[in-house]
Amino acid sequence: MIKISNVSKTFTLHNQGAASIQVLHDVNLSVQSGECVALTGQSGSGKSTLMRLIYGNYKAQSGQIMVDNVDLVTAEAREVIRIRRDGLGYVSQFLRVVPRVPALQVVAEPLRAIGVAEEIALERAAELLSRLNIPETLWSLSPTTFSGGEQQRVNIARGFAHPYPAMLLDEPTASLDPVNRAVVLDLILDAKKRGAAIVGIFHDTGARQQICDREIDVGQFTAAEVA
C-alpha cells in the first residue's frame, strides 16, 4: 500500500533571488494492494515531482508518504535505500547501468540484492528478457550498446524482476511496438494480481484504460505560487 497524506513540495530557485515555488499542495492519495492508479494532468502539473517524492528522490516540506509502513518524508537515507531494495520498484523512462555489465546481470541484480541465489536470479532474468523479445545473443552484452527500444525493455525487465509490493511506472509503454507493449501490459496486470500497489504516468490512453483502476488529476494539487 502507498499512502500519501497532506504532502506539499516547494522548490527554491537560488538563481532567481531564492524565489520559492510551491509545486504541490496538500496531496492526499491512497493506493491499495492490487490497484493501479494513473497520475494525469497537463505538462508541468507535478506528476513527475509526485513520483519522485514517493520514491524519495525529493523530500516533501510537510505531510507523510507511507510505503511498507515507513514514512519516506522523515526516513533516514539508509531506510529509503532499504525500501527501494525490498518494497518499492521504479521503472523510469531511462536505463542507467554501469558500462560493461551484461544485460542478464543488469536484470538479475535486484534479486541478488535481496539475497536470491544466483542461479534463480539469472533464470528469472532470462525469463523476462525472453518474454520481452530481447534476443539471447544480446544477453551477454552491455545494454549501453543496445538500441533505445532494447534498452527500454531491459529496464522494464529489471523493474519487474523482483515482486515488489509497490511499484512506480513512468511511461512504461512509451515507444514500444504493439507486440512488446502487450507484453508490458501483461506484466503490469500480473503485478496487480499478486497484490502490488502501482502508481504510474501513462500518456498511452489505451494502456491507461486497460490497466488502471483510477485516474488522479495532479492539477488539483497544484499551487504554483512564487514568494
C-alpha atoms as a PDB file:
ATOM      1  CA  MET A   1       0.000   0.000   0.000  1.00  0.00           C
ATOM      2  CA  ILE A   2       1.065   3.549  -0.747  1.00  0.00           C
ATOM      3  CA  LYS A   3      -0.496   6.294   1.364  1.00  0.00           C
ATOM      4  CA  ILE A   4       0.182   9.996   0.850  1.00  0.00           C
ATOM      5  CA  SER A   5      -1.210  12.429   3.414  1.00  0.00           C
ATOM      6  CA  ASN A   6      -1.134  16.243   3.299  1.00  0.00           C
ATOM      7  CA  VAL A   7       2.067  16.360   1.254  1.00  0.00           C
ATOM      8  CA  SER A   8       3.382  19.664  -0.083  1.00  0.00           C
ATOM      9  CA  LYS A   9       6.516  20.396  -2.084  1.00  0.00           C
ATOM     10  CA  THR A  10       8.249  23.732  -2.623  1.00  0.00           C
ATOM     11  CA  PHE A  11      11.326  24.382  -4.747  1.00  0.00           C
ATOM     12  CA  THR A  12      13.702  27.257  -4.041  1.00  0.00           C
ATOM     13  CA  LEU A  13      15.159  28.951  -7.133  1.00  0.00           C
ATOM     14  CA  HIS A  14      18.594  30.028  -5.933  1.00  0.00           C
ATOM     15  CA  ASN A  15      19.467  31.544  -9.304  1.00  0.00           C
ATOM     16  CA  GLN A  16      16.421  33.807  -9.089  1.00  0.00           C
ATOM     17  CA  GLY A  17      16.944  35.529  -5.787  1.00  0.00           C
ATOM     18  CA  ALA A  18      15.895  32.485  -3.734  1.00  0.00           C
ATOM     19  CA  ALA A  19      12.333  32.707  -5.017  1.00  0.00           C
ATOM     20  CA  SER A  20      10.208  29.749  -3.926  1.00  0.00           C
ATOM     21  CA  ILE A  21       7.602  27.915  -5.980  1.00  0.00           C
ATOM     22  CA  GLN A  22       5.099  25.635  -4.307  1.00  0.00           C
ATOM     23  CA  VAL A  23       4.616  22.908  -6.906  1.00  0.00           C
ATOM     24  CA  LEU A  24       2.310  20.600  -4.954  1.00  0.00           C
ATOM     25  CA  HIS A  25      -0.011  21.440  -2.089  1.00  0.00           C
ATOM     26  CA  ASP A  26      -1.880  19.137   0.284  1.00  0.00           C
ATOM     27  CA  VAL A  27      -1.663  15.920  -1.747  1.00  0.00           C
ATOM     28  CA  ASN A  28      -3.770  13.073  -0.370  1.00  0.00           C
ATOM     29  CA  LEU A  29      -3.781   9.700  -2.112  1.00  0.00           C
ATOM     30  CA  SER A  30      -4.076   6.057  -1.085  1.00  0.00           C
ATOM     31  CA  VAL A  31      -3.285   3.148  -3.396  1.00  0.00           C
ATOM     32  CA  GLN A  32      -4.382  -0.268  -2.211  1.00  0.00           C
ATOM     33  CA  SER A  33      -2.765  -3.635  -2.875  1.00  0.00           C
ATOM     34  CA  GLY A  34      -3.703  -4.851  -6.342  1.00  0.00           C
ATOM     35  CA  GLU A  35      -4.676  -1.366  -7.507  1.00  0.00           C
ATOM     36  CA  CYS A  36      -3.144   0.729 -10.291  1.00  0.00           C
ATOM     37  CA  VAL A  37      -3.631   4.497 -10.159  1.00  0.00           C
ATOM     38  CA  ALA A  38      -2.733   6.754 -13.080  1.00  0.00           C
ATOM     39  CA  LEU A  39      -1.429  10.266 -12.459  1.00  0.00           C
ATOM     40  CA  THR A  40      -2.856  12.617 -15.069  1.00  0.00           C
ATOM     41  CA  GLY A  41      -2.714  16.344 -15.731  1.00  0.00           C
ATOM     42  CA  GLN A  42      -1.177  18.886 -18.034  1.00  0.00           C
ATOM     43  CA  SER A  43       2.564  19.130 -18.569  1.00  0.00           C
ATOM     44  CA  GLY A  44       4.079  20.850 -15.555  1.00  0.00           C
ATOM     45  CA  SER A  45       1.249  19.903 -13.218  1.00  0.00           C
ATOM     46  CA  GLY A  46       3.590  17.963 -10.927  1.00  0.00           C
ATOM     47  CA  LYS A  47       3.170  14.322 -11.997  1.00  0.00           C
ATOM     48  CA  SER A  48       6.898  13.594 -12.169  1.00  0.00           C
ATOM     49  CA  THR A  49       7.517  15.570  -8.989  1.00  0.00           C
ATOM     50  CA  LEU A  50       4.978  13.447  -7.129  1.00  0.00           C
ATOM     51  CA  MET A  51       6.583  10.254  -8.434  1.00  0.00           C
ATOM     52  CA  ARG A  52       9.995  11.440  -7.237  1.00  0.00           C
ATOM     53  CA  LEU A  53       8.546  12.329  -3.850  1.00  0.00           C
ATOM     54  CA  ILE A  54       7.131   8.823  -3.485  1.00  0.00           C
ATOM     55  CA  TYR A  55      10.486   7.306  -4.447  1.00  0.00           C
ATOM     56  CA  GLY A  56      12.376   9.543  -2.053  1.00  0.00           C
ATOM     57  CA  ASN A  57      14.364  11.471  -4.668  1.00  0.00           C
ATOM     58  CA  TYR A  58      12.719  14.663  -3.416  1.00  0.00           C
ATOM     59  CA  LYS A  59      11.836  15.438   0.177  1.00  0.00           C
ATOM     60  CA  ALA A  60       8.465  16.974   0.943  1.00  0.00           C
ATOM     61  CA  GLN A  61       8.191  20.048   3.149  1.00  0.00           C
ATOM     62  CA  SER A  62       5.235  18.573   5.007  1.00  0.00           C
ATOM     63  CA  GLY A  63       2.988  15.547   5.226  1.00  0.00           C
ATOM     64  CA  GLN A  64       3.565  11.800   5.128  1.00  0.00           C
ATOM     65  CA  ILE A  65       4.407   9.317   2.368  1.00  0.00           C
ATOM     66  CA  MET A  66       3.931   5.816   3.747  1.00  0.00           C
ATOM     67  CA  VAL A  67       5.375   2.825   1.894  1.00  0.00           C
ATOM     68  CA  ASP A  68       5.839  -0.502   3.662  1.00  0.00           C
ATOM     69  CA  ASN A  69       4.901   1.203   6.946  1.00  0.00           C
ATOM     70  CA  VAL A  70       7.783   3.673   6.603  1.00  0.00           C
ATOM     71  CA  ASP A  71       7.319   7.435   6.249  1.00  0.00           C
ATOM     72  CA  LEU A  72       9.680   8.416   3.440  1.00  0.00           C
ATOM     73  CA  VAL A  73       9.373  12.100   4.377  1.00  0.00           C
ATOM     74  CA  THR A  74      11.174  11.566   7.680  1.00  0.00           C
ATOM     75  CA  ALA A  75      13.084   8.332   6.972  1.00  0.00           C
ATOM     76  CA  GLU A  76      16.871   8.298   7.117  1.00  0.00           C
ATOM     77  CA  ALA A  77      18.758   7.659   3.887  1.00  0.00           C
ATOM     78  CA  ARG A  78      19.586   4.042   4.743  1.00  0.00           C
ATOM     79  CA  GLU A  79      15.912   3.300   5.353  1.00  0.00           C
ATOM     80  CA  VAL A  80      14.947   4.832   1.996  1.00  0.00           C
ATOM     81  CA  ILE A  81      17.561   2.612   0.333  1.00  0.00           C
ATOM     82  CA  ARG A  82      16.113  -0.440   2.102  1.00  0.00           C
ATOM     83  CA  ILE A  83      12.591   0.393   0.938  1.00  0.00           C
ATOM     84  CA  ARG A  84      13.805   0.761  -2.648  1.00  0.00           C
ATOM     85  CA  ARG A  85      15.598  -2.570  -2.432  1.00  0.00           C
ATOM     86  CA  ASP A  86      12.823  -4.564  -0.777  1.00  0.00           C
ATOM     87  CA  GLY A  87       9.494  -2.863  -1.286  1.00  0.00           C
ATOM     88  CA  LEU A  88       9.321  -0.140  -3.938  1.00  0.00           C
ATOM     89  CA  GLY A  89      10.201  -0.689  -7.576  1.00  0.00           C
ATOM     90  CA  TYR A  90      10.602   2.137 -10.090  1.00  0.00           C
ATOM     91  CA  VAL A  91      10.521   1.714 -13.860  1.00  0.00           C
ATOM     92  CA  SER A  92      11.822   5.032 -15.180  1.00  0.00           C
ATOM     93  CA  GLN A  93      11.966   6.147 -18.799  1.00  0.00           C
ATOM     94  CA  PHE A  94      15.732   5.717 -18.989  1.00  0.00           C
ATOM     95  CA  LEU A  95      18.055   2.810 -18.214  1.00  0.00           C
ATOM     96  CA  ARG A  96      21.058   3.758 -16.096  1.00  0.00           C
ATOM     97  CA  VAL A  97      23.626   0.987 -15.811  1.00  0.00           C
ATOM     98  CA  VAL A  98      27.329   0.502 -15.227  1.00  0.00           C
ATOM     99  CA  PRO A  99      29.106   0.088 -18.584  1.00  0.00           C
ATOM    100  CA  ARG A 100      30.290  -3.419 -19.487  1.00  0.00           C
ATOM    101  CA  VAL A 101      27.787  -5.171 -17.197  1.00  0.00           C
ATOM    102  CA  PRO A 102      25.864  -7.751 -19.287  1.00  0.00           C
ATOM    103  CA  ALA A 103      22.124  -7.319 -19.751  1.00  0.00           C
ATOM    104  CA  LEU A 104      21.384 -10.606 -17.987  1.00  0.00           C
ATOM    105  CA  GLN A 105      23.251  -9.402 -14.885  1.00  0.00           C
ATOM    106  CA  VAL A 106      21.550  -5.996 -15.028  1.00  0.00           C
ATOM    107  CA  VAL A 107      18.120  -7.626 -14.866  1.00  0.00           C
ATOM    108  CA  ALA A 108      19.134 -10.128 -12.166  1.00  0.00           C
ATOM    109  CA  GLU A 109      20.709  -7.500  -9.879  1.00  0.00           C
ATOM    110  CA  PRO A 110      17.535  -6.527  -7.905  1.00  0.00           C
ATOM    111  CA  LEU A 111      17.063 -10.193  -6.989  1.00  0.00           C
ATOM    112  CA  ARG A 112      20.674 -10.693  -5.926  1.00  0.00           C
ATOM    113  CA  ALA A 113      20.365  -7.556  -3.785  1.00  0.00           C
ATOM    114  CA  ILE A 114      17.717  -9.248  -1.633  1.00  0.00           C
ATOM    115  CA  GLY A 115      19.665 -12.497  -1.322  1.00  0.00           C
ATOM    116  CA  VAL A 116      18.144 -14.615  -4.082  1.00  0.00           C
ATOM    117  CA  ALA A 117      20.505 -17.360  -5.219  1.00  0.00           C
ATOM    118  CA  GLU A 118      22.480 -16.507  -8.349  1.00  0.00           C
ATOM    119  CA  GLU A 119      21.055 -19.379 -10.393  1.00  0.00           C
ATOM    120  CA  ILE A 120      17.462 -18.470  -9.570  1.00  0.00           C
ATOM    121  CA  ALA A 121      18.087 -14.767 -10.205  1.00  0.00           C
ATOM    122  CA  LEU A 122      19.588 -15.487 -13.618  1.00  0.00           C
ATOM    123  CA  GLU A 123      16.715 -17.831 -14.514  1.00  0.00           C
ATOM    124  CA  ARG A 124      14.185 -15.111 -13.715  1.00  0.00           C
ATOM    125  CA  ALA A 125      16.213 -12.559 -15.684  1.00  0.00           C
ATOM    126  CA  ALA A 126      16.378 -14.882 -18.684  1.00  0.00           C
ATOM    127  CA  GLU A 127      12.632 -15.488 -18.493  1.00  0.00           C
ATOM    128  CA  LEU A 128      11.879 -11.763 -18.576  1.00  0.00           C
ATOM    129  CA  LEU A 129      14.346 -10.959 -21.337  1.00  0.00           C
ATOM    130  CA  SER A 130      12.838 -13.740 -23.442  1.00  0.00           C
ATOM    131  CA  ARG A 131       9.317 -12.553 -22.715  1.00  0.00           C
ATOM    132  CA  LEU A 132      10.284  -9.039 -23.786  1.00  0.00           C
ATOM    133  CA  ASN A 133      11.828 -10.339 -27.008  1.00  0.00           C
ATOM    134  CA  ILE A 134      15.453  -9.458 -26.291  1.00  0.00           C
ATOM    135  CA  PRO A 135      17.497 -11.916 -28.409  1.00  0.00           C
ATOM    136  CA  GLU A 136      19.596 -14.300 -26.330  1.00  0.00           C
ATOM    137  CA  THR A 137      22.635 -13.275 -28.377  1.00  0.00           C
ATOM    138  CA  LEU A 138      22.445  -9.882 -26.636  1.00  0.00           C
ATOM    139  CA  TRP A 139      22.187 -11.089 -23.052  1.00  0.00           C
ATOM    140  CA  SER A 140      25.957 -11.216 -22.550  1.00  0.00           C
ATOM    141  CA  LEU A 141      26.410  -7.678 -23.883  1.00  0.00           C
ATOM    142  CA  SER A 142      26.088  -4.381 -22.045  1.00  0.00           C
ATOM    143  CA  PRO A 143      22.740  -2.635 -22.637  1.00  0.00           C
ATOM    144  CA  THR A 144      24.725   0.537 -23.318  1.00  0.00           C
ATOM    145  CA  THR A 145      25.304  -0.913 -26.805  1.00  0.00           C
ATOM    146  CA  PHE A 146      21.591  -1.593 -27.408  1.00  0.00           C
ATOM    147  CA  SER A 147      19.039   0.426 -29.350  1.00  0.00           C
ATOM    148  CA  GLY A 148      16.738   2.733 -27.407  1.00  0.00           C
ATOM    149  CA  GLY A 149      13.857   0.275 -27.598  1.00  0.00           C
ATOM    150  CA  GLU A 150      16.020  -2.621 -26.424  1.00  0.00           C
ATOM    151  CA  GLN A 151      17.326  -0.568 -23.510  1.00  0.00           C
ATOM    152  CA  GLN A 152      13.771   0.289 -22.529  1.00  0.00           C
ATOM    153  CA  ARG A 153      12.793  -3.387 -22.483  1.00  0.00           C
ATOM    154  CA  VAL A 154      15.840  -4.295 -20.386  1.00  0.00           C
ATOM    155  CA  ASN A 155      14.822  -1.534 -17.989  1.00  0.00           C
ATOM    156  CA  ILE A 156      11.304  -2.962 -17.768  1.00  0.00           C
ATOM    157  CA  ALA A 157      12.641  -6.486 -17.221  1.00  0.00           C
ATOM    158  CA  ARG A 158      14.836  -5.211 -14.391  1.00  0.00           C
ATOM    159  CA  GLY A 159      11.885  -3.379 -12.827  1.00  0.00           C
ATOM    160  CA  PHE A 160       9.702  -6.482 -12.810  1.00  0.00           C
ATOM    161  CA  ALA A 161      12.386  -8.995 -11.768  1.00  0.00           C
ATOM    162  CA  HIS A 162      11.605  -8.648  -8.058  1.00  0.00           C
ATOM    163  CA  PRO A 163       7.926  -8.911  -6.989  1.00  0.00           C
ATOM    164  CA  TYR A 164       7.836  -5.504  -5.316  1.00  0.00           C
ATOM    165  CA  PRO A 165       4.729  -4.888  -3.183  1.00  0.00           C
ATOM    166  CA  ALA A 166       4.650  -1.305  -4.506  1.00  0.00           C
ATOM    167  CA  MET A 167       5.705  -0.003  -7.913  1.00  0.00           C
ATOM    168  CA  LEU A 168       6.128   3.295  -9.754  1.00  0.00           C
ATOM    169  CA  LEU A 169       5.857   3.240 -13.550  1.00  0.00           C
ATOM    170  CA  ASP A 170       6.909   6.221 -15.669  1.00  0.00           C
ATOM    171  CA  GLU A 171       5.611   5.794 -19.236  1.00  0.00           C
ATOM    172  CA  PRO A 172       6.319   2.038 -19.364  1.00  0.00           C
ATOM    173  CA  THR A 173       4.799   1.572 -22.845  1.00  0.00           C
ATOM    174  CA  ALA A 174       6.267   4.678 -24.498  1.00  0.00           C
ATOM    175  CA  SER A 175       7.781   3.976 -27.932  1.00  0.00           C
ATOM    176  CA  LEU A 176       7.162   0.225 -27.739  1.00  0.00           C
ATOM    177  CA  ASP A 177       5.913  -1.725 -30.732  1.00  0.00           C
ATOM    178  CA  PRO A 178       2.472  -3.391 -30.374  1.00  0.00           C
ATOM    179  CA  VAL A 179       3.898  -6.824 -29.507  1.00  0.00           C
ATOM    180  CA  ASN A 180       6.127  -5.624 -26.665  1.00  0.00           C
ATOM    181  CA  ARG A 181       3.507  -3.136 -25.498  1.00  0.00           C
ATOM    182  CA  ALA A 182       1.151  -6.079 -24.968  1.00  0.00           C
ATOM    183  CA  VAL A 183       3.860  -7.938 -23.026  1.00  0.00           C
ATOM    184  CA  VAL A 184       4.392  -4.973 -20.709  1.00  0.00           C
ATOM    185  CA  LEU A 185       0.666  -4.597 -20.078  1.00  0.00           C
ATOM    186  CA  ASP A 186       0.521  -8.294 -19.166  1.00  0.00           C
ATOM    187  CA  LEU A 187       3.423  -7.814 -16.738  1.00  0.00           C
ATOM    188  CA  ILE A 188       1.562  -4.954 -15.075  1.00  0.00           C
ATOM    189  CA  LEU A 189      -1.635  -6.997 -14.845  1.00  0.00           C
ATOM    190  CA  ASP A 190       0.358  -9.881 -13.341  1.00  0.00           C
ATOM    191  CA  ALA A 191       1.790  -7.487 -10.743  1.00  0.00           C
ATOM    192  CA  LYS A 192      -1.714  -6.319  -9.854  1.00  0.00           C
ATOM    193  CA  LYS A 193      -2.906  -9.916  -9.476  1.00  0.00           C
ATOM    194  CA  ARG A 194      -0.138 -10.687  -6.975  1.00  0.00           C
ATOM    195  CA  GLY A 195      -1.151  -7.609  -4.980  1.00  0.00           C
ATOM    196  CA  ALA A 196       1.228  -4.824  -6.000  1.00  0.00           C
ATOM    197  CA  ALA A 197       0.109  -1.251  -5.360  1.00  0.00           C
ATOM    198  CA  ILE A 198       1.015   0.683  -8.519  1.00  0.00           C
ATOM    199  CA  VAL A 199       1.248   4.393  -9.330  1.00  0.00           C
ATOM    200  CA  GLY A 200       2.044   5.364 -12.889  1.00  0.00           C
ATOM    201  CA  ILE A 201       2.197   8.016 -15.568  1.00  0.00           C
ATOM    202  CA  PHE A 202       0.645   6.765 -18.804  1.00  0.00           C
ATOM    203  CA  HIS A 203       0.257   9.046 -21.804  1.00  0.00           C
ATOM    204  CA  ASP A 204      -0.792   5.884 -23.662  1.00  0.00           C
ATOM    205  CA  THR A 205      -4.569   6.278 -23.310  1.00  0.00           C
ATOM    206  CA  GLY A 206      -5.339   2.698 -24.303  1.00  0.00           C
ATOM    207  CA  ALA A 207      -2.888   1.305 -21.774  1.00  0.00           C
ATOM    208  CA  ARG A 208      -4.261   3.560 -19.058  1.00  0.00           C
ATOM    209  CA  GLN A 209      -7.808   2.411 -19.732  1.00  0.00           C
ATOM    210  CA  GLN A 210      -6.797  -1.245 -19.772  1.00  0.00           C
ATOM    211  CA  ILE A 211      -4.777  -1.471 -16.572  1.00  0.00           C
ATOM    212  CA  CYS A 212      -5.635   1.481 -14.323  1.00  0.00           C
ATOM    213  CA  ASP A 213      -8.425   1.370 -11.769  1.00  0.00           C
ATOM    214  CA  ARG A 214      -8.488   5.125 -11.158  1.00  0.00           C
ATOM    215  CA  GLU A 215      -7.098   8.355 -12.525  1.00  0.00           C
ATOM    216  CA  ILE A 216      -5.937  11.212 -10.313  1.00  0.00           C
ATOM    217  CA  ASP A 217      -5.567  14.665 -11.867  1.00  0.00           C
ATOM    218  CA  VAL A 218      -2.465  16.028 -10.156  1.00  0.00           C
ATOM    219  CA  GLY A 219      -3.509  19.509 -11.250  1.00  0.00           C
ATOM    220  CA  GLN A 220      -5.923  19.615  -8.316  1.00  0.00           C
ATOM    221  CA  PHE A 221      -2.887  19.675  -6.012  1.00  0.00           C
ATOM    222  CA  THR A 222      -1.013  22.360  -7.940  1.00  0.00           C
ATOM    223  CA  ALA A 223      -0.374  25.656  -6.215  1.00  0.00           C
ATOM    224  CA  ALA A 224       2.239  27.496  -8.270  1.00  0.00           C
ATOM    225  CA  GLU A 225       2.785  30.476  -6.019  1.00  0.00           C
ATOM    226  CA  VAL A 226       6.054  32.381  -6.111  1.00  0.00           C
ATOM    227  CA  ALA A 227       7.258  34.018  -2.911  1.00  0.00           C
END
